[in-house]
Amino acid sequence: MFSYLRKRFSRHLRERSRRRARLVSKDGRCNIEFGNVEQSRFVFLIDIWTTILDLRWRYKMTIFISAFLGSWFLFGLLWYVVAYIHKDLPEFNPSINHTPCVENINGLTSAFLFSLETQVTIGYGFRCVTEQCATAIFLLIFQSILGVIINSFMCGAILAKISRSKNRAKTITFSRNAVISKRGGKLCLLIRVANLRKSLLIGSHIYGKLLKTTITPEGETIILDQVNIEFIVDAGNENLFFISPLTIYHIIDKNSPFFHMAAETILQQDFELVVFLDGTVEATSATCQVRTSYIPEEVLWGYRFAPIVSKTKEGKYRVDFQNFSKTVAVETPHCAFCLHNEREAKAKEKKGFDNPGFVLSEVNETSDTKM
């Protein structure tokens, strides 16, 4: 038992040491850090709406609760000050004919309750503003307007956070691995993507970026050099009919950055393949982007995806997501260059070749038949 746990632990340490740093995680989050930014953080307060939307839920709810409690308490203090200045509080022993600015404010607690009732328009009817003080009337108008602004901003921020198209991206999933195998007589890199909802993504477009470290002829080292990767399906890479899982593929030809890679050397390569899917959410008409990434350890050479769509006896199409990321080993050339040479060799076999050393000699035929 202990030996088994020790082997598992040592294997986990080896895998962790081999784990490569990636810019984009499998769920689409970007792993990047900004340092020594010259601009102050005040610029984020200028675009306060985007800043609030980008906050995590725990920080957003803290701001939400603090904004309401802070405004209620602040105006409660102001109502208490108004009552104190006008000597409406019981410690001043007001006369029977005394008309207070606000009825039934006896202390800080009752002032806080009146502030709460005013801002959220509860209106219990026990405390109310009289026409005795212009200051109280002005404060009532100011709190009502500011309360509407706070309510609109905070409720709108929460609604926008809930309905962001980023959440729709969580129901779009990519296969755990990418595979390389032959498709249509060509060596291709294939990835499977599925829409977990029955509602479509309108105008979907899929593409990829290969991130790698390159050295220019001038000797400059570019850490995150981006190379375009064209992905297609049988009907093209735009306006996808995304009702069932699709297998997208990239043809590894002479213009592909994968052309000089082989099954034996792909694990020694240093690259990250980032795949993007852009579309418009059918329900909200908001644009949505889904992304994931693959490192060399997640690219399986010589495999294809298992079938996932079948047709039942009732005539319905069934998608079995148990086989979504399942792969099957197939016979595959160990490099794209070999497949290219093999195709050229087969093409030459179908053609005739002239032999310069061959000389055709003419022979005169004579007939030995006598009449």
Foldseek 3Di string as FASTA:
>chain_A
DVVVVVVVVVVVVVVVVLDDDDQAAFQGDGDDDDPPDPDDPVVCVVVVLVVLLPDDPVVLVVCLVCVVLVLLLVQLVVQQVQCVVLVVEVVSVDDPPDDTQKPPDHDSVVSSVVSVCLLVVVCPPRIDGDPPDPVSVVSSVVSNVVSVVSVCSSVVSVVCNVPPLAVQLVQKHKAQFWEWADDPLFIKIKIKIAGNDQFDFFWKAKWKWKFAWDADPVGDIDGGDTDTFDKAFPVGRTGDPRRGMGMIITTQDPPDPQQPPFQVCLLVGFIKMKMKMWGAGPVPRDIHITIGIDHSVRYHYQKDFDDFWDADPVGDIGGHCVRRNPIDGHDHGGHNVVSVVVVVVVVVVVDDDDDPPDDDDDDDDDDPDDD
